Amino acid sequence: MIACLWQATTRTVDFDAYWAFLHRRALADYQAADGNQGVQLFRRLEADRAHFLALSFWSSRQALSGFAGGTQTVRYYPEHVAYLVDGGPTVACFEANETAPVPRLPAEQTCVHCASMRLAQGIAT
């Protein structure tokens, strides 16, 4: 199994818009990709920047290459140009332990922030 940690930075003003884009476009692509074993999104604000992480799991390097074009390659979308700062997204991929199953959640439950917000608001998942 291969695990990839993808990182990107935007301006704080784009915090919610980029998050929505990731859920609408990128998350759906990850989940539909052959060999994808799961993906989780994370975000945080820090001073004048917003930071985003995606942690994805792949059945093999070949599956990852089929999705991103390489095993250390970022899949770019035209929308990235409008949002990203500091040189664009980066990715680092690693061989991962296969002993524990990776949770495969519905898109609306894929991010920790969204799930915690639903719990705080008393919304059933």
Protein backbone atom coordinates (compact mmCIF):
# COMPACT_ATOMS: atom_id res chain seq x y z
CA MET A 1 0.00 0.00 0.00
CA ILE A 2 1.17 3.54 -0.77
CA ALA A 3 0.27 6.59 1.35
CA CYS A 4 0.58 10.11 -0.06
CA LEU A 5 0.56 13.38 1.84
CA TRP A 6 -0.43 16.28 -0.40
CA GLN A 7 -0.05 19.90 0.80
CA ALA A 8 -1.17 23.25 -0.57
CA THR A 9 -1.42 26.83 0.68
CA THR A 10 -3.90 29.58 -0.16
CA ARG A 11 -4.67 33.05 1.12
CA THR A 12 -6.93 33.11 4.17
CA VAL A 13 -9.65 34.81 2.10
CA ASP A 14 -9.86 31.59 0.02
CA PHE A 15 -10.13 29.25 3.04
CA ASP A 16 -13.77 28.24 2.50
CA ALA A 17 -13.85 28.50 -1.29
CA TYR A 18 -10.83 26.22 -1.76
CA TRP A 19 -12.20 23.76 0.80
CA ALA A 20 -15.46 23.62 -1.16
CA PHE A 21 -13.52 23.10 -4.41
CA LEU A 22 -11.56 20.23 -2.87
CA HIS A 23 -14.75 18.53 -1.78
CA ARG A 24 -16.63 19.18 -5.02
CA ARG A 25 -13.93 18.29 -7.52
CA ALA A 26 -10.79 16.69 -6.12
CA LEU A 27 -12.35 14.43 -3.49
CA ALA A 28 -14.74 12.92 -6.03
CA ASP A 29 -11.82 12.24 -8.40
CA TYR A 30 -9.77 10.54 -5.67
CA GLN A 31 -12.67 8.35 -4.59
CA ALA A 32 -13.48 7.29 -8.16
CA ALA A 33 -9.86 6.46 -9.05
CA ASP A 34 -8.91 2.83 -9.58
CA GLY A 35 -6.75 1.67 -6.70
CA ASN A 36 -7.69 4.45 -4.30
CA GLN A 37 -8.11 2.96 -0.83
CA GLY A 38 -9.30 6.12 0.93
CA VAL A 39 -8.62 9.82 1.34
CA GLN A 40 -8.99 12.35 4.15
CA LEU A 41 -8.81 16.14 3.93
CA PHE A 42 -7.52 18.54 6.58
CA ARG A 43 -7.27 22.32 6.80
CA ARG A 44 -6.13 25.09 9.16
CA LEU A 45 -5.67 28.84 9.25
CA GLU A 46 -2.35 30.34 10.25
CA ALA A 47 -1.67 34.10 10.15
CA ASP A 48 -2.14 35.19 6.52
CA ARG A 49 -2.22 31.68 5.00
CA ALA A 50 -4.61 28.73 4.86
CA HIS A 51 -3.05 25.28 4.80
CA PHE A 52 -4.62 22.17 3.29
CA LEU A 53 -3.57 18.53 3.49
CA ALA A 54 -4.88 15.42 1.78
CA LEU A 55 -3.82 12.00 3.00
CA SER A 56 -4.59 9.33 0.42
CA PHE A 57 -3.99 5.59 0.29
CA TRP A 58 -3.36 3.59 -2.87
CA SER A 59 -3.25 -0.12 -3.61
CA SER A 60 0.02 0.24 -5.58
CA ARG A 61 2.44 2.67 -7.17
CA GLN A 62 0.88 1.81 -10.53
CA ALA A 63 -2.57 2.86 -9.29
CA LEU A 64 -1.17 6.14 -8.01
CA SER A 65 0.66 6.78 -11.28
CA GLY A 66 -2.55 6.14 -13.20
CA PHE A 67 -4.28 8.84 -11.16
CA ALA A 68 -1.57 11.49 -10.80
CA GLY A 69 0.80 10.72 -13.66
CA GLY A 70 3.63 9.63 -11.34
CA THR A 71 4.35 8.51 -7.80
CA GLN A 72 5.64 11.90 -6.64
CA THR A 73 3.42 14.00 -8.90
CA VAL A 74 0.55 16.33 -8.01
CA ARG A 75 -2.66 16.14 -10.01
CA TYR A 76 -3.34 19.71 -11.13
CA TYR A 77 -6.72 21.26 -11.85
CA PRO A 78 -7.22 24.52 -13.77
CA GLU A 79 -8.81 25.99 -10.62
CA HIS A 80 -5.53 25.69 -8.73
CA VAL A 81 -4.22 28.81 -10.45
CA ALA A 82 -6.89 31.00 -8.84
CA TYR A 83 -6.23 29.75 -5.31
CA LEU A 84 -2.72 28.52 -4.65
CA VAL A 85 0.22 30.53 -3.35
CA ASP A 86 3.76 29.67 -2.27
CA GLY A 87 4.59 27.61 -5.34
CA GLY A 88 1.55 25.36 -5.54
CA PRO A 89 0.88 21.95 -4.06
CA THR A 90 3.50 19.38 -3.10
CA VAL A 91 3.23 15.64 -2.50
CA ALA A 92 5.30 13.03 -0.67
CA CYS A 93 4.47 9.34 -0.98
CA PHE A 94 5.51 6.47 1.27
CA GLU A 95 5.14 2.73 1.54
CA ALA A 96 2.46 2.12 4.17
CA ASN A 97 1.64 -0.59 6.68
CA GLU A 98 -1.21 -2.77 5.41
CA THR A 99 -2.24 -4.39 8.70
CA ALA A 100 -5.00 -1.92 9.63
CA PRO A 101 -7.92 -1.25 7.27
CA VAL A 102 -8.25 2.28 5.95
CA PRO A 103 -11.74 3.69 6.58
CA ARG A 104 -13.63 4.50 3.40
CA LEU A 105 -16.13 7.21 4.30
CA PRO A 106 -18.82 8.93 2.23
CA ALA A 107 -17.60 12.24 0.78
CA GLU A 108 -19.57 14.32 3.29
CA GLN A 109 -17.85 12.51 6.18
CA THR A 110 -14.33 12.48 4.78
CA CYS A 111 -12.90 15.44 6.65
CA VAL A 112 -12.33 15.62 10.40
CA HIS A 113 -13.49 19.24 10.50
CA CYS A 114 -16.83 18.45 8.81
CA ALA A 115 -17.53 15.49 11.08
CA SER A 116 -16.72 17.47 14.23
CA MET A 117 -18.94 20.34 13.06
CA ARG A 118 -21.83 17.93 12.50
CA LEU A 119 -21.36 16.45 15.97
CA ALA A 120 -21.22 19.91 17.57
CA GLN A 121 -24.44 20.87 15.79
CA GLY A 122 -26.17 17.60 16.72
CA ILE A 123 -26.50 16.48 13.10
CA ALA A 124 -26.64 12.72 12.62
CA THR A 125 -24.00 11.16 10.38
